[in-house]
Amino acid sequence: MPLTPLPHFLAEIAKGRGHINTAEYGCVTSHASQTIRKTYHLTGECFGIRPVKVGRRLLWPVSEIAKLFNGEVLK
């Protein structure tokens, strides 16, 4: 499967990392980080994306976010 280019703003925020934090995910999706956390708390995901927990932090996979922006159906 060929890799699709990330939207410019997502690539700029990720800076080559595989995961971004909740505040960055909120910035990319134009939602408050608290909204992201609450949605995750209630459903275990946010916009169909499940984060990786590292300690108390939630890290969101950039590849899944790119799929979201490319219009792919997640789940």
PDB file of N, CA and C in Angstrom:
ATOM      1  N   MET A   1       0.845  -1.159   0.000  1.00  0.00           N
ATOM      2  CA  MET A   1       0.000   0.000   0.000  1.00  0.00           C
ATOM      3  C   MET A   1       0.904   1.240   0.000  1.00  0.00           C
ATOM      4  N   PRO A   2       0.774   2.132  -0.989  1.00  0.00           N
ATOM      5  CA  PRO A   2       1.614   3.328  -1.016  1.00  0.00           C
ATOM      6  C   PRO A   2       1.203   4.310   0.073  1.00  0.00           C
ATOM      7  N   LEU A   3       2.195   4.989   0.599  1.00  0.00           N
ATOM      8  CA  LEU A   3       1.909   5.991   1.618  1.00  0.00           C
ATOM      9  C   LEU A   3       1.385   7.251   0.962  1.00  0.00           C
ATOM     10  N   THR A   4       0.337   7.811   1.539  1.00  0.00           N
ATOM     11  CA  THR A   4      -0.196   9.070   1.022  1.00  0.00           C
ATOM     12  C   THR A   4       0.450  10.201   1.790  1.00  0.00           C
ATOM     13  N   PRO A   5       0.703  11.323   1.132  1.00  0.00           N
ATOM     14  CA  PRO A   5       1.329  12.433   1.843  1.00  0.00           C
ATOM     15  C   PRO A   5       0.401  12.998   2.913  1.00  0.00           C
ATOM     16  N   LEU A   6       0.991  13.368   4.030  1.00  0.00           N
ATOM     17  CA  LEU A   6       0.208  13.957   5.114  1.00  0.00           C
ATOM     18  C   LEU A   6      -0.213  15.357   4.729  1.00  0.00           C
ATOM     19  N   PRO A   7      -1.376  15.778   5.202  1.00  0.00           N
ATOM     20  CA  PRO A   7      -1.720  17.192   5.008  1.00  0.00           C
ATOM     21  C   PRO A   7      -0.592  18.045   5.586  1.00  0.00           C
ATOM     22  N   HIS A   8      -0.311  19.138   4.940  1.00  0.00           N
ATOM     23  CA  HIS A   8       0.834  19.977   5.293  1.00  0.00           C
ATOM     24  C   HIS A   8       0.879  20.330   6.780  1.00  0.00           C
ATOM     25  N   PHE A   9      -0.246  20.752   7.337  1.00  0.00           N
ATOM     26  CA  PHE A   9      -0.262  21.163   8.736  1.00  0.00           C
ATOM     27  C   PHE A   9      -0.012  19.997   9.676  1.00  0.00           C
ATOM     28  N   LEU A  10      -0.474  18.804   9.333  1.00  0.00           N
ATOM     29  CA  LEU A  10      -0.247  17.629  10.171  1.00  0.00           C
ATOM     30  C   LEU A  10       1.227  17.248  10.142  1.00  0.00           C
ATOM     31  N   ALA A  11       1.830  17.273   8.979  1.00  0.00           N
ATOM     32  CA  ALA A  11       3.247  16.958   8.862  1.00  0.00           C
ATOM     33  C   ALA A  11       4.090  17.973   9.627  1.00  0.00           C
ATOM     34  N   GLU A  12       3.676  19.217   9.595  1.00  0.00           N
ATOM     35  CA  GLU A  12       4.403  20.267  10.301  1.00  0.00           C
ATOM     36  C   GLU A  12       4.323  20.073  11.813  1.00  0.00           C
ATOM     37  N   ILE A  13       3.169  19.686  12.301  1.00  0.00           N
ATOM     38  CA  ILE A  13       3.000  19.457  13.735  1.00  0.00           C
ATOM     39  C   ILE A  13       3.727  18.193  14.173  1.00  0.00           C
ATOM     40  N   ALA A  14       3.632  17.122  13.403  1.00  0.00           N
ATOM     41  CA  ALA A  14       4.235  15.844  13.780  1.00  0.00           C
ATOM     42  C   ALA A  14       5.762  15.876  13.703  1.00  0.00           C
ATOM     43  N   LYS A  15       6.319  16.625  12.764  1.00  0.00           N
ATOM     44  CA  LYS A  15       7.778  16.748  12.609  1.00  0.00           C
ATOM     45  C   LYS A  15       8.465  15.392  12.573  1.00  0.00           C
ATOM     46  N   GLY A  16       7.879  14.446  11.838  1.00  0.00           N
ATOM     47  CA  GLY A  16       8.491  13.134  11.666  1.00  0.00           C
ATOM     48  C   GLY A  16       8.198  12.130  12.767  1.00  0.00           C
ATOM     49  N   ARG A  17       7.472  12.531  13.794  1.00  0.00           N
ATOM     50  CA  ARG A  17       7.130  11.605  14.880  1.00  0.00           C
ATOM     51  C   ARG A  17       5.979  10.709  14.453  1.00  0.00           C
ATOM     52  N   GLY A  18       5.875   9.562  15.060  1.00  0.00           N
ATOM     53  CA  GLY A  18       4.805   8.623  14.759  1.00  0.00           C
ATOM     54  C   GLY A  18       3.513   8.909  15.505  1.00  0.00           C
ATOM     55  N   HIS A  19       3.617   9.651  16.615  1.00  0.00           N
ATOM     56  CA  HIS A  19       2.455   9.970  17.450  1.00  0.00           C
ATOM     57  C   HIS A  19       2.525  11.435  17.874  1.00  0.00           C
ATOM     58  N   ILE A  20       1.355  12.015  18.104  1.00  0.00           N
ATOM     59  CA  ILE A  20       1.292  13.384  18.620  1.00  0.00           C
ATOM     60  C   ILE A  20       0.474  13.376  19.906  1.00  0.00           C
ATOM     61  N   ASN A  21       0.677  14.388  20.736  1.00  0.00           N
ATOM     62  CA  ASN A  21      -0.052  14.422  22.008  1.00  0.00           C
ATOM     63  C   ASN A  21      -1.470  14.959  21.818  1.00  0.00           C
ATOM     64  N   THR A  22      -2.229  14.961  22.889  1.00  0.00           N
ATOM     65  CA  THR A  22      -3.641  15.332  22.827  1.00  0.00           C
ATOM     66  C   THR A  22      -3.843  16.788  22.419  1.00  0.00           C
ATOM     67  N   ALA A  23      -3.013  17.688  22.928  1.00  0.00           N
ATOM     68  CA  ALA A  23      -3.142  19.100  22.560  1.00  0.00           C
ATOM     69  C   ALA A  23      -2.898  19.293  21.057  1.00  0.00           C
ATOM     70  N   GLU A  24      -1.909  18.593  20.515  1.00  0.00           N
ATOM     71  CA  GLU A  24      -1.621  18.686  19.084  1.00  0.00           C
ATOM     72  C   GLU A  24      -2.749  18.070  18.262  1.00  0.00           C
ATOM     73  N   TYR A  25      -3.299  16.962  18.745  1.00  0.00           N
ATOM     74  CA  TYR A  25      -4.422  16.316  18.059  1.00  0.00           C
ATOM     75  C   TYR A  25      -5.633  17.255  18.032  1.00  0.00           C
ATOM     76  N   GLY A  26      -5.864  17.938  19.138  1.00  0.00           N
ATOM     77  CA  GLY A  26      -6.949  18.908  19.189  1.00  0.00           C
ATOM     78  C   GLY A  26      -6.728  20.048  18.213  1.00  0.00           C
ATOM     79  N   CYS A  27      -5.504  20.501  18.107  1.00  0.00           N
ATOM     80  CA  CYS A  27      -5.163  21.574  17.171  1.00  0.00           C
ATOM     81  C   CYS A  27      -5.417  21.143  15.728  1.00  0.00           C
ATOM     82  N   VAL A  28      -5.014  19.926  15.407  1.00  0.00           N
ATOM     83  CA  VAL A  28      -5.183  19.396  14.049  1.00  0.00           C
ATOM     84  C   VAL A  28      -6.654  19.237  13.692  1.00  0.00           C
ATOM     85  N   THR A  29      -7.466  18.815  14.656  1.00  0.00           N
ATOM     86  CA  THR A  29      -8.883  18.559  14.392  1.00  0.00           C
ATOM     87  C   THR A  29      -9.787  19.734  14.747  1.00  0.00           C
ATOM     88  N   SER A  30      -9.192  20.827  15.208  1.00  0.00           N
ATOM     89  CA  SER A  30      -9.935  22.038  15.600  1.00  0.00           C
ATOM     90  C   SER A  30     -10.923  21.772  16.737  1.00  0.00           C
ATOM     91  N   HIS A  31     -10.458  21.023  17.720  1.00  0.00           N
ATOM     92  CA  HIS A  31     -11.244  20.747  18.918  1.00  0.00           C
ATOM     93  C   HIS A  31     -10.383  21.018  20.135  1.00  0.00           C
ATOM     94  N   ALA A  32     -11.011  21.376  21.231  1.00  0.00           N
ATOM     95  CA  ALA A  32     -10.280  21.580  22.476  1.00  0.00           C
ATOM     96  C   ALA A  32      -9.740  20.241  22.977  1.00  0.00           C
ATOM     97  N   SER A  33      -8.573  20.289  23.594  1.00  0.00           N
ATOM     98  CA  SER A  33      -7.977  19.049  24.092  1.00  0.00           C
ATOM     99  C   SER A  33      -8.877  18.389  25.137  1.00  0.00           C
ATOM    100  N   GLN A  34      -9.609  19.177  25.903  1.00  0.00           N
ATOM    101  CA  GLN A  34     -10.524  18.603  26.885  1.00  0.00           C
ATOM    102  C   GLN A  34     -11.661  17.843  26.203  1.00  0.00           C
ATOM    103  N   THR A  35     -12.100  18.309  25.058  1.00  0.00           N
ATOM    104  CA  THR A  35     -13.128  17.597  24.284  1.00  0.00           C
ATOM    105  C   THR A  35     -12.587  16.250  23.814  1.00  0.00           C
ATOM    106  N   ILE A  36     -11.338  16.244  23.366  1.00  0.00           N
ATOM    107  CA  ILE A  36     -10.693  15.001  22.926  1.00  0.00           C
ATOM    108  C   ILE A  36     -10.620  14.025  24.105  1.00  0.00           C
ATOM    109  N   ARG A  37     -10.155  14.510  25.264  1.00  0.00           N
ATOM    110  CA  ARG A  37     -10.038  13.649  26.445  1.00  0.00           C
ATOM    111  C   ARG A  37     -11.399  13.106  26.900  1.00  0.00           C
ATOM    112  N   LYS A  38     -12.416  13.967  26.886  1.00  0.00           N
ATOM    113  CA  LYS A  38     -13.745  13.528  27.335  1.00  0.00           C
ATOM    114  C   LYS A  38     -14.307  12.468  26.386  1.00  0.00           C
ATOM    115  N   THR A  39     -14.167  12.695  25.099  1.00  0.00           N
ATOM    116  CA  THR A  39     -14.655  11.721  24.122  1.00  0.00           C
ATOM    117  C   THR A  39     -13.926  10.393  24.295  1.00  0.00           C
ATOM    118  N   TYR A  40     -12.620  10.456  24.513  1.00  0.00           N
ATOM    119  CA  TYR A  40     -11.849   9.232  24.748  1.00  0.00           C
ATOM    120  C   TYR A  40     -12.337   8.538  26.022  1.00  0.00           C
ATOM    121  N   HIS A  41     -12.573   9.301  27.066  1.00  0.00           N
ATOM    122  CA  HIS A  41     -13.028   8.733  28.328  1.00  0.00           C
ATOM    123  C   HIS A  41     -14.374   8.027  28.174  1.00  0.00           C
ATOM    124  N   LEU A  42     -15.272   8.601  27.390  1.00  0.00           N
ATOM    125  CA  LEU A  42     -16.610   8.035  27.233  1.00  0.00           C
ATOM    126  C   LEU A  42     -16.657   6.861  26.262  1.00  0.00           C
ATOM    127  N   THR A  43     -15.814   6.888  25.212  1.00  0.00           N
ATOM    128  CA  THR A  43     -15.926   5.879  24.160  1.00  0.00           C
ATOM    129  C   THR A  43     -14.678   5.033  23.939  1.00  0.00           C
ATOM    130  N   GLY A  44     -13.539   5.461  24.481  1.00  0.00           N
ATOM    131  CA  GLY A  44     -12.299   4.732  24.259  1.00  0.00           C
ATOM    132  C   GLY A  44     -11.611   5.110  22.956  1.00  0.00           C
ATOM    133  N   GLU A  45     -12.143   6.119  22.281  1.00  0.00           N
ATOM    134  CA  GLU A  45     -11.570   6.581  21.013  1.00  0.00           C
ATOM    135  C   GLU A  45     -12.034   8.013  20.771  1.00  0.00           C
ATOM    136  N   CYS A  46     -11.500   8.623  19.733  1.00  0.00           N
ATOM    137  CA  CYS A  46     -11.965   9.938  19.326  1.00  0.00           C
ATOM    138  C   CYS A  46     -11.856  10.013  17.814  1.00  0.00           C
ATOM    139  N   PHE A  47     -12.965  10.207  17.148  1.00  0.00           N
ATOM    140  CA  PHE A  47     -13.054  10.220  15.684  1.00  0.00           C
ATOM    141  C   PHE A  47     -12.576   8.894  15.091  1.00  0.00           C
ATOM    142  N   GLY A  48     -12.815   7.803  15.822  1.00  0.00           N
ATOM    143  CA  GLY A  48     -12.437   6.484  15.330  1.00  0.00           C
ATOM    144  C   GLY A  48     -10.984   6.125  15.550  1.00  0.00           C
ATOM    145  N   ILE A  49     -10.244   6.954  16.257  1.00  0.00           N
ATOM    146  CA  ILE A  49      -8.829   6.705  16.484  1.00  0.00           C
ATOM    147  C   ILE A  49      -8.611   6.397  17.962  1.00  0.00           C
ATOM    148  N   ARG A  50      -7.898   5.298  18.218  1.00  0.00           N
ATOM    149  CA  ARG A  50      -7.568   4.913  19.584  1.00  0.00           C
ATOM    150  C   ARG A  50      -6.124   5.320  19.872  1.00  0.00           C
ATOM    151  N   PRO A  51      -5.911   6.017  20.983  1.00  0.00           N
ATOM    152  CA  PRO A  51      -4.554   6.447  21.308  1.00  0.00           C
ATOM    153  C   PRO A  51      -3.750   5.351  22.002  1.00  0.00           C
ATOM    154  N   VAL A  52      -2.458   5.577  22.107  1.00  0.00           N
ATOM    155  CA  VAL A  52      -1.563   4.742  22.894  1.00  0.00           C
ATOM    156  C   VAL A  52      -1.368   5.478  24.220  1.00  0.00           C
ATOM    157  N   LYS A  53      -1.506   4.758  25.330  1.00  0.00           N
ATOM    158  CA  LYS A  53      -1.303   5.389  26.628  1.00  0.00           C
ATOM    159  C   LYS A  53       0.143   5.170  27.058  1.00  0.00           C
ATOM    160  N   VAL A  54       0.801   6.266  27.397  1.00  0.00           N
ATOM    161  CA  VAL A  54       2.158   6.212  27.931  1.00  0.00           C
ATOM    162  C   VAL A  54       2.117   6.952  29.261  1.00  0.00           C
ATOM    163  N   GLY A  55       2.129   6.196  30.344  1.00  0.00           N
ATOM    164  CA  GLY A  55       1.935   6.804  31.659  1.00  0.00           C
ATOM    165  C   GLY A  55       0.537   7.392  31.725  1.00  0.00           C
ATOM    166  N   ARG A  56       0.461   8.686  31.973  1.00  0.00           N
ATOM    167  CA  ARG A  56      -0.841   9.363  32.017  1.00  0.00           C
ATOM    168  C   ARG A  56      -1.146  10.107  30.730  1.00  0.00           C
ATOM    169  N   ARG A  57      -0.265   9.993  29.750  1.00  0.00           N
ATOM    170  CA  ARG A  57      -0.437  10.731  28.497  1.00  0.00           C
ATOM    171  C   ARG A  57      -1.093   9.863  27.432  1.00  0.00           C
ATOM    172  N   LEU A  58      -1.853  10.512  26.562  1.00  0.00           N
ATOM    173  CA  LEU A  58      -2.438   9.858  25.408  1.00  0.00           C
ATOM    174  C   LEU A  58      -1.655  10.327  24.178  1.00  0.00           C
ATOM    175  N   LEU A  59      -1.172   9.376  23.392  1.00  0.00           N
ATOM    176  CA  LEU A  59      -0.455   9.698  22.166  1.00  0.00           C
ATOM    177  C   LEU A  59      -1.252   9.145  20.989  1.00  0.00           C
ATOM    178  N   TRP A  60      -1.512  10.010  20.021  1.00  0.00           N
ATOM    179  CA  TRP A  60      -2.391   9.684  18.902  1.00  0.00           C
ATOM    180  C   TRP A  60      -1.561   9.373  17.662  1.00  0.00           C
ATOM    181  N   PRO A  61      -1.814   8.227  16.989  1.00  0.00           N
ATOM    182  CA  PRO A  61      -1.014   7.825  15.829  1.00  0.00           C
ATOM    183  C   PRO A  61      -1.247   8.736  14.616  1.00  0.00           C
ATOM    184  N   VAL A  62      -0.167   9.289  14.114  1.00  0.00           N
ATOM    185  CA  VAL A  62      -0.227  10.212  12.984  1.00  0.00           C
ATOM    186  C   VAL A  62      -0.762   9.503  11.737  1.00  0.00           C
ATOM    187  N   SER A  63      -0.407   8.237  11.551  1.00  0.00           N
ATOM    188  CA  SER A  63      -0.877   7.515  10.363  1.00  0.00           C
ATOM    189  C   SER A  63      -2.398   7.394  10.340  1.00  0.00           C
ATOM    190  N   GLU A  64      -3.008   7.182  11.510  1.00  0.00           N
ATOM    191  CA  GLU A  64      -4.468   7.083  11.584  1.00  0.00           C
ATOM    192  C   GLU A  64      -5.120   8.449  11.365  1.00  0.00           C
ATOM    193  N   ILE A  65      -4.490   9.493  11.867  1.00  0.00           N
ATOM    194  CA  ILE A  65      -5.012  10.847  11.663  1.00  0.00           C
ATOM    195  C   ILE A  65      -4.964  11.203  10.182  1.00  0.00           C
ATOM    196  N   ALA A  66      -3.884  10.804   9.513  1.00  0.00           N
ATOM    197  CA  ALA A  66      -3.764  11.052   8.068  1.00  0.00           C
ATOM    198  C   ALA A  66      -4.875  10.341   7.307  1.00  0.00           C
ATOM    199  N   LYS A  67      -5.201   9.110   7.717  1.00  0.00           N
ATOM    200  CA  LYS A  67      -6.300   8.378   7.083  1.00  0.00           C
ATOM    201  C   LYS A  67      -7.613   9.119   7.266  1.00  0.00           C
ATOM    202  N   LEU A  68      -7.813   9.680   8.460  1.00  0.00           N
ATOM    203  CA  LEU A  68      -9.017  10.449   8.749  1.00  0.00           C
ATOM    204  C   LEU A  68      -9.134  11.629   7.776  1.00  0.00           C
ATOM    205  N   PHE A  69      -8.040  12.340   7.551  1.00  0.00           N
ATOM    206  CA  PHE A  69      -8.056  13.496   6.665  1.00  0.00           C
ATOM    207  C   PHE A  69      -8.128  13.110   5.191  1.00  0.00           C
ATOM    208  N   ASN A  70      -7.725  11.883   4.861  1.00  0.00           N
ATOM    209  CA  ASN A  70      -7.820  11.412   3.480  1.00  0.00           C
ATOM    210  C   ASN A  70      -9.200  10.845   3.162  1.00  0.00           C
ATOM    211  N   GLY A  71     -10.092  10.863   4.154  1.00  0.00           N
ATOM    212  CA  GLY A  71     -11.455  10.414   3.925  1.00  0.00           C
ATOM    213  C   GLY A  71     -11.671   8.931   4.067  1.00  0.00           C
ATOM    214  N   GLU A  72     -10.678   8.223   4.596  1.00  0.00           N
ATOM    215  CA  GLU A  72     -10.841   6.786   4.787  1.00  0.00           C
ATOM    216  C   GLU A  72     -11.731   6.533   6.000  1.00  0.00           C
ATOM    217  N   VAL A  73     -12.491   5.478   5.927  1.00  0.00           N
ATOM    218  CA  VAL A  73     -13.370   5.113   7.033  1.00  0.00           C
ATOM    219  C   VAL A  73     -12.545   4.365   8.064  1.00  0.00           C
ATOM    220  N   LEU A  74     -12.575   4.838   9.290  1.00  0.00           N
ATOM    221  CA  LEU A  74     -11.843   4.193  10.368  1.00  0.00           C
ATOM    222  C   LEU A  74     -12.764   3.269  11.134  1.00  0.00           C
ATOM    223  N   LYS A  75     -12.257   2.165  11.575  1.00  0.00           N
ATOM    224  CA  LYS A  75     -12.921   1.116  12.358  1.00  0.00           C
ATOM    225  C   LYS A  75     -12.956  -0.145  11.617  1.00  0.00           C
TER     226      LYS A  75
END
